[in-house]
Amino acid sequence: MIAMKIRKGIQLGALLSMVMLSASDMYGQQDPMYTHYMYNTTNINPGYSGTRGVLNVFGMYRTQWVGLDGAPQTANISIDTPLGDNGLSGGINYTNDRIGAMSENSFSVNLAYAVDLNDSYKLSFGLKGTANLLDVDYTKLDIYNPDDPKFGENINNKFNPNIGAGLFLYSDKSYLGVSVPNFLTTDRSQNEGTELMRQKMHFYLMGGGMCLI
């Protein structure tokens, strides 16, 4: 019985390996990952900027697979604040995201405007402008064919601009947000006429509230 289970496990592993190796396209996570999005909302939804009514400063550092070379690391700092009593708010974000041979620095500026819907709820409209600087060091990769022209030249501070937007509905006891931090699907790198990476559009939906237990 045990030998049969082991044999089935080996067969399943071999089948999965064949499927992965035969795939023409493979996809993975692109945007930085955060453990708690509720504490880092301005980075994914510009409409959240200024909704706390005071100057807000946030910083975080996240790492995975500690001890492994090229393990994912993400650092972020953000500042947002109301801009007077006219409903306008602003914010800035800086993110450094590292994984393997890639390192990306992102600088963004948020602008939001909130309106009163009733005595309890407000709706904030936010816009986001981002500048991305991408570095890829191909010498950190174990490339099957070192002479492949696609990997002959490192990518150094490749600039990619982007824009985003978000809506944030909130009260003292609940909130609901929807956002698209990056509208533009730009080429992230292109060597020898071959597209290696492309910035994709991501959609975020969030919500929460308080209730008596």
Protein backbone atom coordinates (compact mmCIF):
# COMPACT_ATOMS: atom_id res chain seq x y z
CA MET A 1 0.00 0.00 0.00
CA ILE A 2 2.77 2.44 0.94
CA ALA A 3 4.78 1.53 -2.16
CA MET A 4 1.69 2.14 -4.32
CA LYS A 5 1.19 5.62 -2.80
CA ILE A 6 4.84 6.47 -3.38
CA ARG A 7 4.59 5.28 -7.00
CA LYS A 8 1.48 7.42 -7.58
CA GLY A 9 3.24 10.42 -6.06
CA ILE A 10 6.22 9.97 -8.37
CA GLN A 11 3.93 9.61 -11.40
CA LEU A 12 2.00 12.75 -10.46
CA GLY A 13 5.22 14.71 -9.97
CA ALA A 14 6.55 13.56 -13.33
CA LEU A 15 3.28 14.51 -15.05
CA LEU A 16 3.28 18.00 -13.52
CA SER A 17 6.92 18.49 -14.53
CA MET A 18 6.13 17.51 -18.13
CA VAL A 19 3.19 19.93 -18.27
CA MET A 20 5.29 22.80 -16.91
CA LEU A 21 8.22 22.10 -19.23
CA SER A 22 5.97 21.83 -22.30
CA ALA A 23 4.08 25.07 -21.61
CA SER A 24 4.77 27.84 -24.11
CA ASP A 25 3.92 30.62 -21.63
CA MET A 26 4.28 30.71 -17.86
CA TYR A 27 2.84 33.35 -15.56
CA GLY A 28 3.57 34.49 -12.02
CA GLN A 29 2.96 37.28 -9.57
CA GLN A 30 3.99 40.72 -10.86
CA ASP A 31 2.92 43.40 -8.39
CA PRO A 32 4.62 43.51 -4.97
CA MET A 33 2.94 41.35 -2.33
CA TYR A 34 2.01 42.68 1.11
CA THR A 35 1.06 40.64 4.15
CA HIS A 36 -1.59 43.10 5.35
CA TYR A 37 -3.10 45.26 2.62
CA MET A 38 -5.32 47.07 5.13
CA TYR A 39 -2.22 48.77 6.57
CA ASN A 40 -0.81 49.78 3.20
CA THR A 41 -3.90 50.91 1.35
CA THR A 42 -2.56 54.06 -0.33
CA ASN A 43 -0.12 51.98 -2.37
CA ILE A 44 -2.92 50.09 -4.15
CA ASN A 45 -5.82 52.57 -3.88
CA PRO A 46 -5.09 56.31 -4.25
CA GLY A 47 -8.66 57.07 -3.14
CA TYR A 48 -7.67 56.11 0.40
CA SER A 49 -5.30 59.09 0.68
CA GLY A 50 -6.29 61.49 3.45
CA THR A 51 -9.34 59.52 4.60
CA ARG A 52 -8.02 59.28 8.17
CA GLY A 53 -8.19 63.06 8.43
CA VAL A 54 -4.63 63.47 9.74
CA LEU A 55 -1.05 63.14 8.53
CA ASN A 56 -0.33 59.43 8.21
CA VAL A 57 3.15 57.90 7.82
CA PHE A 58 3.55 54.18 7.19
CA GLY A 59 6.57 51.94 6.63
CA MET A 60 6.98 48.20 6.18
CA TYR A 61 9.49 45.53 5.21
CA ARG A 62 8.56 42.03 4.08
CA THR A 63 10.77 39.08 3.22
CA GLN A 64 10.06 35.47 2.25
CA TRP A 65 12.14 32.30 2.18
CA VAL A 66 14.82 33.76 4.44
CA GLY A 67 18.27 32.32 3.74
CA LEU A 68 17.69 31.52 0.06
CA ASP A 69 19.55 33.45 -2.62
CA GLY A 70 17.25 35.80 -4.50
CA ALA A 71 14.43 35.49 -1.95
CA PRO A 72 11.62 38.08 -2.39
CA GLN A 73 12.04 41.30 -0.40
CA THR A 74 9.68 44.26 -0.37
CA ALA A 75 10.15 47.59 1.42
CA ASN A 76 7.64 50.43 1.35
CA ILE A 77 7.14 53.85 2.90
CA SER A 78 4.10 56.05 2.32
CA ILE A 79 2.83 59.43 3.51
CA ASP A 80 -0.67 60.82 3.02
CA THR A 81 -2.51 63.81 4.44
CA PRO A 82 -5.54 66.05 3.87
CA LEU A 83 -4.76 69.25 1.95
CA GLY A 84 -6.93 71.71 3.84
CA ASP A 85 -10.68 71.53 4.43
CA ASN A 86 -11.78 71.42 0.79
CA GLY A 87 -11.88 67.62 0.43
CA LEU A 88 -8.53 67.37 -1.34
CA SER A 89 -5.82 65.01 -0.10
CA GLY A 90 -2.41 63.96 -1.31
CA GLY A 91 0.12 61.23 -0.76
CA ILE A 92 3.47 59.84 -1.86
CA ASN A 93 4.75 56.26 -1.95
CA TYR A 94 8.13 54.63 -2.42
CA THR A 95 8.50 50.87 -2.94
CA ASN A 96 11.57 48.72 -3.49
CA ASP A 97 10.76 45.20 -4.67
CA ARG A 98 13.48 42.57 -5.13
CA ILE A 99 13.29 38.99 -6.32
CA GLY A 100 16.04 36.96 -7.92
CA ALA A 101 17.86 38.97 -10.57
CA MET A 102 15.24 41.74 -10.55
CA SER A 103 15.09 44.92 -8.50
CA GLU A 104 12.46 47.62 -9.03
CA ASN A 105 12.06 51.05 -7.46
CA SER A 106 8.66 52.70 -7.72
CA PHE A 107 7.84 56.31 -6.87
CA SER A 108 4.21 57.43 -6.94
CA VAL A 109 2.13 60.51 -6.17
CA ASN A 110 -1.56 60.31 -5.20
CA LEU A 111 -4.25 62.97 -5.39
CA ALA A 112 -7.73 62.35 -3.98
CA TYR A 113 -10.99 64.26 -3.60
CA ALA A 114 -13.71 63.21 -1.13
CA VAL A 115 -17.40 64.16 -1.18
CA ASP A 116 -20.09 63.66 1.47
CA LEU A 117 -22.81 61.22 0.38
CA ASN A 118 -24.81 61.55 3.60
CA ASP A 119 -24.22 62.03 7.31
CA SER A 120 -22.31 58.74 7.55
CA TYR A 121 -20.57 57.97 4.27
CA LYS A 122 -18.00 59.72 2.11
CA LEU A 123 -16.75 58.74 -1.35
CA SER A 124 -13.17 59.51 -2.30
CA PHE A 125 -11.92 59.59 -5.91
CA GLY A 126 -8.18 59.09 -6.33
CA LEU A 127 -5.61 59.35 -9.13
CA LYS A 128 -2.11 57.93 -9.08
CA GLY A 129 1.00 58.69 -11.13
CA THR A 130 3.93 56.29 -10.91
CA ALA A 131 7.53 56.17 -12.12
CA ASN A 132 9.10 52.69 -12.19
CA LEU A 133 12.84 52.04 -12.47
CA LEU A 134 13.71 48.43 -13.29
CA ASP A 135 17.08 46.68 -12.92
CA VAL A 136 17.75 43.11 -14.06
CA ASP A 137 21.18 41.52 -13.50
CA TYR A 138 21.32 38.48 -15.77
CA THR A 139 24.65 37.39 -14.26
CA LYS A 140 22.66 36.23 -11.22
CA LEU A 141 20.80 33.69 -13.36
CA ASP A 142 21.89 30.17 -14.25
CA ILE A 143 21.20 30.51 -17.98
CA TYR A 144 21.10 27.32 -20.07
CA ASN A 145 22.63 29.10 -23.08
CA PRO A 146 24.95 31.93 -21.93
CA ASP A 147 25.27 33.12 -25.55
CA ASP A 148 21.53 33.75 -25.88
CA PRO A 149 21.27 37.40 -27.06
CA LYS A 150 18.14 37.92 -24.97
CA PHE A 151 20.30 37.86 -21.85
CA GLY A 152 23.45 39.48 -23.22
CA GLU A 153 22.93 42.92 -21.69
CA ASN A 154 21.66 43.78 -18.22
CA ILE A 155 18.72 46.15 -17.77
CA ASN A 156 19.74 49.26 -15.82
CA ASN A 157 17.19 51.75 -14.49
CA LYS A 158 14.70 51.22 -17.31
CA PHE A 159 12.03 53.89 -16.86
CA ASN A 160 8.35 52.99 -17.18
CA PRO A 161 5.64 55.53 -16.28
CA ASN A 162 2.13 54.50 -15.32
CA ILE A 163 -1.17 55.89 -14.08
CA GLY A 164 -3.87 54.46 -11.84
CA ALA A 165 -7.14 55.33 -10.12
CA GLY A 166 -9.32 54.19 -7.27
CA LEU A 167 -12.62 54.74 -5.46
CA PHE A 168 -12.93 54.46 -1.69
CA LEU A 169 -16.31 54.52 0.09
CA TYR A 170 -16.02 54.83 3.85
CA SER A 171 -17.65 55.69 7.16
CA ASP A 172 -16.60 55.36 10.79
CA LYS A 173 -17.62 51.69 10.80
CA SER A 174 -17.13 50.29 7.30
CA TYR A 175 -15.34 50.77 3.99
CA LEU A 176 -15.34 49.50 0.42
CA GLY A 177 -12.70 50.17 -2.21
CA VAL A 178 -11.95 49.30 -5.82
CA SER A 179 -8.82 50.32 -7.69
CA VAL A 180 -6.49 49.78 -10.63
CA PRO A 181 -2.99 51.00 -9.67
CA ASN A 182 -1.58 50.54 -13.19
CA PHE A 183 -3.65 51.19 -16.30
CA LEU A 184 -0.81 51.02 -18.84
CA THR A 185 0.32 47.60 -20.09
CA THR A 186 3.84 48.60 -21.09
CA ASP A 187 6.82 46.45 -22.07
CA ARG A 188 9.06 45.98 -19.06
CA SER A 189 12.07 44.81 -21.07
CA GLN A 190 12.80 44.12 -24.67
CA ASN A 191 16.03 42.60 -26.00
CA GLU A 192 16.73 41.69 -29.62
CA GLY A 193 13.14 42.52 -30.51
CA THR A 194 11.82 39.93 -28.05
CA GLU A 195 9.42 40.93 -25.30
CA LEU A 196 10.52 39.36 -22.01
CA MET A 197 8.12 41.01 -19.58
CA ARG A 198 4.98 43.10 -19.84
CA GLN A 199 3.31 45.20 -17.17
CA LYS A 200 -0.22 43.86 -16.71
CA MET A 201 -3.30 45.56 -15.32
CA HIS A 202 -4.29 44.48 -11.78
CA PHE A 203 -7.67 44.99 -10.13
CA TYR A 204 -8.11 45.30 -6.36
CA LEU A 205 -11.33 45.02 -4.38
CA MET A 206 -11.36 45.49 -0.62
CA GLY A 207 -13.93 45.90 2.11
CA GLY A 208 -14.37 45.71 5.84
CA GLY A 209 -16.45 46.78 8.78
CA MET A 210 -17.08 46.57 12.48
CA CYS A 211 -19.91 44.70 14.15
CA LEU A 212 -20.99 43.87 17.69
CA ILE A 213 -20.34 40.31 18.86
